[in-house]
C-alpha atoms as a PDB file:
ATOM      1  CA  MET A   1      -0.011  -0.035  -0.002  1.00  0.00           C
ATOM      2  CA  LYS A   2       1.261   3.452  -0.869  1.00  0.00           C
ATOM      3  CA  THR A   3       0.521   6.632   1.062  1.00  0.00           C
ATOM      4  CA  LYS A   4       1.161  10.069  -0.276  1.00  0.00           C
ATOM      5  CA  MET A   5       0.947  13.318   1.600  1.00  0.00           C
ATOM      6  CA  ARG A   6      -0.232  16.198  -0.513  1.00  0.00           C
ATOM      7  CA  PRO A   7      -0.371  19.799   0.545  1.00  0.00           C
ATOM      8  CA  ARG A   8      -3.723  21.534   0.810  1.00  0.00           C
ATOM      9  CA  TYR A   9      -4.074  25.258   0.361  1.00  0.00           C
ATOM     10  CA  TYR A  10      -6.937  27.167   2.128  1.00  0.00           C
ATOM     11  CA  CYS A  11      -8.468  30.634   1.575  1.00  0.00           C
ATOM     12  CA  ASP A  12      -7.608  33.058   4.365  1.00  0.00           C
ATOM     13  CA  HIS A  13     -11.073  34.581   4.051  1.00  0.00           C
ATOM     14  CA  CYS A  14     -13.587  31.846   3.659  1.00  0.00           C
ATOM     15  CA  GLY A  15     -11.696  28.583   4.311  1.00  0.00           C
ATOM     16  CA  LYS A  16     -12.243  27.010   0.864  1.00  0.00           C
ATOM     17  CA  GLY A  17      -9.584  24.389   0.132  1.00  0.00           C
ATOM     18  CA  SER A  18      -7.666  23.442  -2.954  1.00  0.00           C
ATOM     19  CA  GLY A  19      -4.710  21.311  -3.989  1.00  0.00           C
ATOM     20  CA  SER A  20      -3.393  24.018  -6.263  1.00  0.00           C
ATOM     21  CA  PRO A  21      -1.612  27.125  -4.883  1.00  0.00           C
ATOM     22  CA  SER A  22      -2.223  29.119  -8.067  1.00  0.00           C
ATOM     23  CA  ALA A  23      -5.953  28.217  -7.980  1.00  0.00           C
ATOM     24  CA  MET A  24      -6.177  29.326  -4.394  1.00  0.00           C
ATOM     25  CA  ARG A  25      -4.415  32.657  -5.166  1.00  0.00           C
ATOM     26  CA  ARG A  26      -6.945  33.318  -7.911  1.00  0.00           C
ATOM     27  CA  HIS A  27      -9.808  32.414  -5.572  1.00  0.00           C
ATOM     28  CA  GLU A  28      -8.589  34.685  -2.763  1.00  0.00           C
ATOM     29  CA  LEU A  29      -8.306  37.630  -5.218  1.00  0.00           C
ATOM     30  CA  HIS A  30     -12.054  37.428  -5.973  1.00  0.00           C
ATOM     31  CA  CYS A  31     -13.416  35.757  -2.781  1.00  0.00           C
ATOM     32  CA  ILE A  32     -16.595  37.429  -1.650  1.00  0.00           C
ATOM     33  CA  SER A  33     -15.333  37.217   1.986  1.00  0.00           C
ATOM     34  CA  ASN A  34     -12.105  39.150   1.053  1.00  0.00           C
ATOM     35  CA  PRO A  35     -12.571  42.823   2.129  1.00  0.00           C
ATOM     36  CA  ASN A  36     -10.084  43.936  -0.501  1.00  0.00           C
ATOM     37  CA  ARG A  37     -11.465  41.724  -3.287  1.00  0.00           C
ATOM     38  CA  ILE A  38     -11.418  42.516  -7.020  1.00  0.00           C
ATOM     39  CA  CYS A  39     -14.763  41.685  -8.532  1.00  0.00           C
ATOM     40  CA  GLY A  40     -14.621  39.600 -11.686  1.00  0.00           C
ATOM     41  CA  PHE A  41     -18.061  40.717 -12.879  1.00  0.00           C
ATOM     42  CA  CYS A  42     -17.201  44.446 -12.443  1.00  0.00           C
ATOM     43  CA  SER A  43     -13.747  43.975 -14.101  1.00  0.00           C
ATOM     44  CA  ARG A  44     -15.404  42.300 -17.089  1.00  0.00           C
ATOM     45  CA  ILE A  45     -17.450  45.423 -17.865  1.00  0.00           C
ATOM     46  CA  GLY A  46     -14.722  47.885 -16.931  1.00  0.00           C
ATOM     47  CA  ASN A  47     -16.125  49.085 -13.608  1.00  0.00           C
ATOM     48  CA  GLU A  48     -14.049  49.429 -10.441  1.00  0.00           C
ATOM     49  CA  THR A  49     -14.923  47.322  -7.514  1.00  0.00           C
ATOM     50  CA  VAL A  50     -16.780  49.297  -4.844  1.00  0.00           C
ATOM     51  CA  PRO A  51     -15.230  48.820  -1.409  1.00  0.00           C
ATOM     52  CA  ILE A  52     -17.156  46.303   0.723  1.00  0.00           C
ATOM     53  CA  THR A  53     -17.426  48.856   3.626  1.00  0.00           C
ATOM     54  CA  GLU A  54     -19.384  51.334   1.387  1.00  0.00           C
ATOM     55  CA  LEU A  55     -21.742  48.584   0.095  1.00  0.00           C
ATOM     56  CA  VAL A  56     -22.418  47.340   3.694  1.00  0.00           C
ATOM     57  CA  LYS A  57     -23.354  50.884   4.724  1.00  0.00           C
ATOM     58  CA  ALA A  58     -25.697  51.200   1.776  1.00  0.00           C
ATOM     59  CA  LEU A  59     -27.247  47.821   2.540  1.00  0.00           C
ATOM     60  CA  GLY A  60     -28.376  49.066   5.997  1.00  0.00           C
ATOM     61  CA  LYS A  61     -30.874  46.634   7.519  1.00  0.00           C
ATOM     62  CA  GLY A  62     -30.981  44.464   4.416  1.00  0.00           C
ATOM     63  CA  ASP A  63     -34.446  45.528   3.423  1.00  0.00           C
ATOM     64  CA  ALA A  64     -35.602  46.139  -0.208  1.00  0.00           C
ATOM     65  CA  ALA A  65     -34.386  49.734  -0.114  1.00  0.00           C
ATOM     66  CA  GLY A  66     -30.961  48.619   1.065  1.00  0.00           C
ATOM     67  CA  ILE A  67     -30.633  45.925  -1.686  1.00  0.00           C
ATOM     68  CA  CYS A  68     -31.683  48.573  -4.268  1.00  0.00           C
ATOM     69  CA  ALA A  69     -29.082  50.992  -2.970  1.00  0.00           C
ATOM     70  CA  VAL A  70     -26.389  48.359  -3.188  1.00  0.00           C
ATOM     71  CA  LYS A  71     -27.404  47.332  -6.768  1.00  0.00           C
ATOM     72  CA  ILE A  72     -27.249  51.026  -7.854  1.00  0.00           C
ATOM     73  CA  MET A  73     -23.838  51.469  -6.229  1.00  0.00           C
ATOM     74  CA  CYS A  74     -22.374  48.406  -7.919  1.00  0.00           C
ATOM     75  CA  ASP A  75     -24.218  48.693 -11.248  1.00  0.00           C
ATOM     76  CA  GLU A  76     -26.337  45.556 -10.625  1.00  0.00           C
ATOM     77  CA  CYS A  77     -23.349  43.372  -9.952  1.00  0.00           C
ATOM     78  CA  PRO A  78     -24.586  40.101  -8.339  1.00  0.00           C
ATOM     79  CA  ALA A  79     -21.241  39.227  -6.839  1.00  0.00           C
ATOM     80  CA  CYS A  80     -20.830  42.656  -5.205  1.00  0.00           C
ATOM     81  CA  THR A  81     -24.350  42.413  -3.851  1.00  0.00           C
ATOM     82  CA  LEU A  82     -23.701  38.963  -2.396  1.00  0.00           C
ATOM     83  CA  ALA A  83     -20.394  40.164  -0.868  1.00  0.00           C
ATOM     84  CA  ALA A  84     -22.117  43.037   0.847  1.00  0.00           C
ATOM     85  CA  ILE A  85     -24.833  40.769   2.248  1.00  0.00           C
ATOM     86  CA  LYS A  86     -22.218  38.320   3.539  1.00  0.00           C
ATOM     87  CA  ALA A  87     -20.052  41.068   5.054  1.00  0.00           C
ATOM     88  CA  SER A  88     -22.969  42.628   6.819  1.00  0.00           C
ATOM     89  CA  GLY A  89     -23.707  39.560   8.899  1.00  0.00           C
ATOM     90  CA  LEU A  90     -27.426  39.812   8.188  1.00  0.00           C
ATOM     91  CA  GLN A  91     -27.718  36.669   6.085  1.00  0.00           C
ATOM     92  CA  ARG A  92     -28.023  34.020   8.716  1.00  0.00           C
ATOM     93  CA  ASN A  93     -30.415  31.047   8.990  1.00  0.00           C
ATOM     94  CA  SER A  94     -33.016  31.261  11.721  1.00  0.00           C
ATOM     95  CA  ALA A  95     -34.954  28.118  12.480  1.00  0.00           C
ATOM     96  CA  ASP A  96     -38.638  28.591  13.161  1.00  0.00           C
ATOM     97  CA  GLU A  97     -41.712  26.390  12.789  1.00  0.00           C
ATOM     98  CA  GLU A  98     -41.708  26.965   8.909  1.00  0.00           C
ATOM     99  CA  GLY A  99     -38.113  25.909   8.505  1.00  0.00           C
ATOM    100  CA  LEU A 100     -35.055  28.088   7.648  1.00  0.00           C
ATOM    101  CA  GLN A 101     -35.666  31.677   6.932  1.00  0.00           C
ATOM    102  CA  PHE A 102     -33.208  34.245   5.453  1.00  0.00           C
ATOM    103  CA  HIS A 103     -33.119  37.849   6.687  1.00  0.00           C
ATOM    104  CA  VAL A 104     -31.983  39.407   3.338  1.00  0.00           C
ATOM    105  CA  ALA A 105     -34.155  38.593   0.286  1.00  0.00           C
ATOM    106  CA  PHE A 106     -31.589  38.132  -2.532  1.00  0.00           C
ATOM    107  CA  ASP A 107     -31.469  35.348  -5.139  1.00  0.00           C
ATOM    108  CA  TYR A 108     -27.842  35.207  -6.312  1.00  0.00           C
ATOM    109  CA  LYS A 109     -28.553  32.603  -8.906  1.00  0.00           C
ATOM    110  CA  LYS A 110     -31.280  34.584 -10.552  1.00  0.00           C
ATOM    111  CA  ALA A 111     -29.286  37.846 -10.349  1.00  0.00           C
ATOM    112  CA  LYS A 112     -26.244  36.176 -11.945  1.00  0.00           C
ATOM    113  CA  GLU A 113     -28.382  34.696 -14.742  1.00  0.00           C
ATOM    114  CA  ASP A 114     -30.011  38.119 -15.443  1.00  0.00           C
ATOM    115  CA  TRP A 115     -26.570  39.831 -15.346  1.00  0.00           C
ATOM    116  CA  TRP A 116     -25.138  37.321 -17.880  1.00  0.00           C
ATOM    117  CA  SER A 117     -28.228  37.528 -20.068  1.00  0.00           C
ATOM    118  CA  THR A 118     -27.817  41.379 -20.203  1.00  0.00           C
ATOM    119  CA  GLU A 119     -24.093  41.020 -20.812  1.00  0.00           C
ATOM    120  CA  ASN A 120     -24.524  38.466 -23.616  1.00  0.00           C
ATOM    121  CA  ASP A 121     -27.367  40.556 -25.261  1.00  0.00           C
ATOM    122  CA  ALA A 122     -25.160  43.596 -25.269  1.00  0.00           C
ATOM    123  CA  ARG A 123     -22.263  41.734 -26.870  1.00  0.00           C
ATOM    124  CA  ARG A 124     -24.521  40.123 -29.452  1.00  0.00           C
ATOM    125  CA  ASP A 125     -25.923  43.548 -30.330  1.00  0.00           C
ATOM    126  CA  GLY A 126     -22.351  44.867 -30.825  1.00  0.00           C
ATOM    127  CA  ALA A 127     -22.413  47.107 -27.841  1.00  0.00           C
ATOM    128  CA  CYS A 128     -19.460  47.198 -25.538  1.00  0.00           C
ATOM    129  CA  LEU A 129     -20.213  47.508 -21.759  1.00  0.00           C
END
């Protein structure tokens, strides 16, 4: 029987693990838990990443007005919106008789699909975002 010890690399911000140091460096650069992250979505369309502290202030209590304010600040970026919600600490599960409830109403999957749809439509139409 052979046994091999292989190093694992972990994100300093979220704890995600990888067997590749270069993959982990790329992950840490864009990790939504990294307060100094560079947003891949914003970079793709030429926007600068809004600092997480500003997004958290705009989010406030995590109500609809707060989500709207964050989306305006980050130009509808789903990753920046998710990073603000995570950094705020508002998005926690609370068990009640109906199951798990989230405090901030944001559907990242749908927001990401909408963002890509808009991006792809713009590229198809020849516009450059």
